[in-house]
N, C-alpha and C. Protein backbone atom coordinates (compact mmCIF):
# COMPACT_ATOMS: atom_id res chain seq x y z
N MET A 1 0.88 -1.21 -0.02
CA MET A 1 0.04 0.03 0.00
C MET A 1 0.91 1.26 0.07
N ALA A 2 0.42 2.25 -0.63
CA ALA A 2 1.26 3.47 -0.80
C ALA A 2 1.31 4.28 0.59
N GLU A 3 2.48 4.84 0.75
CA GLU A 3 2.66 5.71 1.95
C GLU A 3 1.78 6.93 1.74
N ARG A 4 1.21 7.48 2.97
CA ARG A 4 0.45 8.63 2.94
C ARG A 4 1.30 9.68 3.53
N PHE A 5 1.19 10.84 2.98
CA PHE A 5 2.23 11.98 3.35
C PHE A 5 1.29 13.08 3.87
N GLU A 6 1.56 13.66 5.05
CA GLU A 6 0.77 14.72 5.66
C GLU A 6 0.91 16.01 4.78
N ARG A 7 1.94 16.11 4.09
CA ARG A 7 2.11 17.37 3.19
C ARG A 7 1.57 17.27 1.84
N HIS A 8 0.54 16.22 1.60
CA HIS A 8 -0.09 16.15 0.33
C HIS A 8 -0.52 17.30 -0.24
N ARG A 9 -0.03 17.64 -1.49
CA ARG A 9 -0.59 18.77 -2.27
C ARG A 9 -0.28 20.18 -1.78
N GLN A 10 0.67 20.27 -0.77
CA GLN A 10 0.98 21.46 -0.04
C GLN A 10 2.10 22.21 -0.91
N ALA A 11 2.14 23.50 -1.06
CA ALA A 11 3.12 24.07 -1.77
C ALA A 11 4.51 24.01 -1.20
N TRP A 12 5.66 23.98 -1.96
CA TRP A 12 6.93 23.91 -1.47
C TRP A 12 7.31 25.22 -0.80
N THR A 13 7.98 25.14 0.28
CA THR A 13 8.40 26.41 0.88
C THR A 13 9.95 26.67 0.39
N ARG A 14 10.29 27.93 0.69
CA ARG A 14 11.58 28.20 0.25
C ARG A 14 12.76 27.46 0.93
N ASP A 15 12.47 27.06 2.28
CA ASP A 15 13.44 26.38 3.08
C ASP A 15 13.61 24.92 2.49
N GLU A 16 12.43 24.29 2.10
CA GLU A 16 12.42 22.86 1.54
C GLU A 16 13.13 22.95 0.18
N ILE A 17 12.85 23.94 -0.70
CA ILE A 17 13.66 24.04 -1.95
C ILE A 17 15.06 24.09 -1.70
N GLN A 18 15.59 25.02 -0.70
CA GLN A 18 16.91 25.06 -0.38
C GLN A 18 17.50 23.88 0.02
N LYS A 19 16.79 23.04 0.92
CA LYS A 19 17.34 21.80 1.39
C LYS A 19 17.28 20.83 0.24
N LEU A 20 16.38 20.81 -0.69
CA LEU A 20 16.44 20.04 -1.82
C LEU A 20 17.72 20.21 -2.65
N HIS A 21 18.06 21.45 -2.88
CA HIS A 21 19.17 21.75 -3.70
C HIS A 21 20.53 21.18 -2.97
N ARG A 22 20.58 21.56 -1.49
CA ARG A 22 21.76 21.08 -0.77
C ARG A 22 21.94 19.53 -0.89
N LEU A 23 20.80 18.70 -0.81
CA LEU A 23 20.82 17.33 -0.58
C LEU A 23 21.21 16.73 -1.96
N ALA A 24 20.73 17.38 -3.01
CA ALA A 24 21.01 16.90 -4.33
C ALA A 24 22.45 17.10 -4.71
N GLU A 25 23.02 18.24 -4.16
CA GLU A 25 24.48 18.64 -4.60
C GLU A 25 25.45 17.57 -3.70
N LYS A 26 24.86 17.18 -2.62
CA LYS A 26 25.74 16.13 -1.92
C LYS A 26 25.55 14.80 -2.52
N GLY A 27 24.74 14.55 -3.47
CA GLY A 27 24.74 13.31 -4.21
C GLY A 27 23.76 12.39 -3.57
N MET A 28 22.82 12.78 -2.74
CA MET A 28 21.83 11.77 -2.12
C MET A 28 20.92 11.45 -3.14
N GLY A 29 20.47 10.15 -3.03
CA GLY A 29 19.46 9.69 -3.69
C GLY A 29 17.89 10.19 -3.57
N LEU A 30 17.11 9.95 -4.70
CA LEU A 30 15.74 10.48 -4.73
C LEU A 30 14.92 9.91 -3.48
N LYS A 31 15.10 8.67 -3.11
CA LYS A 31 14.31 8.12 -2.03
C LYS A 31 14.73 8.81 -0.77
N ALA A 32 15.92 9.01 -0.58
CA ALA A 32 16.57 9.60 0.77
C ALA A 32 16.09 11.15 0.92
N ILE A 33 16.18 11.72 -0.25
CA ILE A 33 15.97 13.19 -0.14
C ILE A 33 14.37 13.35 0.14
N ALA A 34 13.56 12.45 -0.61
CA ALA A 34 11.98 12.48 -0.31
C ALA A 34 11.62 12.26 1.17
N LYS A 35 12.42 11.22 1.56
CA LYS A 35 12.04 11.03 3.06
C LYS A 35 12.57 12.09 3.99
N SER A 36 13.65 12.66 3.77
CA SER A 36 14.20 13.82 4.52
C SER A 36 13.25 14.97 4.54
N LEU A 37 12.79 15.24 3.40
CA LEU A 37 11.78 16.37 3.12
C LEU A 37 10.36 16.00 3.57
N THR A 38 10.19 14.70 3.88
CA THR A 38 8.71 14.23 4.15
C THR A 38 7.72 14.65 3.03
N ARG A 39 8.34 14.40 1.82
CA ARG A 39 7.54 14.36 0.38
C ARG A 39 7.56 13.16 -0.21
N SER A 40 6.72 13.01 -1.25
CA SER A 40 6.76 11.82 -1.99
C SER A 40 7.82 11.85 -2.88
N GLU A 41 8.28 10.69 -3.45
CA GLU A 41 9.28 10.63 -4.40
C GLU A 41 8.97 11.44 -5.75
N GLU A 42 7.68 11.22 -6.21
CA GLU A 42 7.07 11.84 -7.30
C GLU A 42 7.21 13.31 -7.13
N SER A 43 6.73 13.84 -5.95
CA SER A 43 6.73 15.32 -5.86
C SER A 43 8.20 15.88 -5.77
N THR A 44 9.12 15.01 -5.04
CA THR A 44 10.42 15.44 -5.05
C THR A 44 11.12 15.59 -6.49
N LYS A 45 10.81 14.48 -7.21
CA LYS A 45 11.44 14.40 -8.72
C LYS A 45 10.88 15.67 -9.50
N LYS A 46 9.56 15.92 -9.32
CA LYS A 46 8.95 17.03 -10.10
C LYS A 46 9.53 18.35 -9.73
N GLN A 47 9.79 18.64 -8.48
CA GLN A 47 10.44 19.87 -8.04
C GLN A 47 11.87 19.93 -8.49
N ALA A 48 12.60 18.79 -8.50
CA ALA A 48 13.96 18.85 -8.80
C ALA A 48 14.04 19.14 -10.42
N LYS A 49 13.12 18.58 -11.19
CA LYS A 49 13.11 18.72 -12.66
C LYS A 49 12.83 20.29 -12.89
N GLN A 50 11.88 20.82 -12.20
CA GLN A 50 11.41 22.22 -12.46
C GLN A 50 12.72 23.08 -11.95
N ASP A 51 13.56 22.75 -11.14
CA ASP A 51 14.72 23.49 -10.79
C ASP A 51 15.88 23.17 -11.56
N LYS A 52 15.89 22.21 -12.51
CA LYS A 52 16.78 21.85 -13.33
C LYS A 52 18.03 21.04 -12.40
N LEU A 53 17.62 20.35 -11.45
CA LEU A 53 18.61 19.54 -10.55
C LEU A 53 18.73 18.11 -11.11
N LYS A 54 19.86 17.61 -10.96
CA LYS A 54 20.22 16.15 -11.12
C LYS A 54 20.16 15.40 -9.82
N ILE A 55 19.45 14.39 -9.63
CA ILE A 55 19.33 13.65 -8.49
C ILE A 55 19.82 12.34 -8.79
N GLN A 56 20.54 11.64 -7.96
CA GLN A 56 21.06 10.31 -8.12
C GLN A 56 19.87 9.41 -8.22
N LYS A 57 19.91 8.36 -9.00
CA LYS A 57 18.82 7.26 -8.98
C LYS A 57 18.94 6.36 -7.80
N LEU A 58 20.04 5.74 -7.54
CA LEU A 58 20.14 4.85 -6.30
C LEU A 58 20.91 5.28 -5.31
N ARG A 59 20.52 4.92 -4.15
CA ARG A 59 21.27 5.21 -2.81
C ARG A 59 20.33 4.90 -1.66
């Protein structure tokens, strides 16, 4: 069964976006970043693509 996220459909905050950039630059994987941000992997991937960030596939 899919995980439920309390942050479902909430806008990304400036702090979350900055944290996404920091974690992506460190080379963390999508799953780890999403968990750290308490966001879904799909939402995290979408935001990263919008910000033109490269995220590692596995880790």
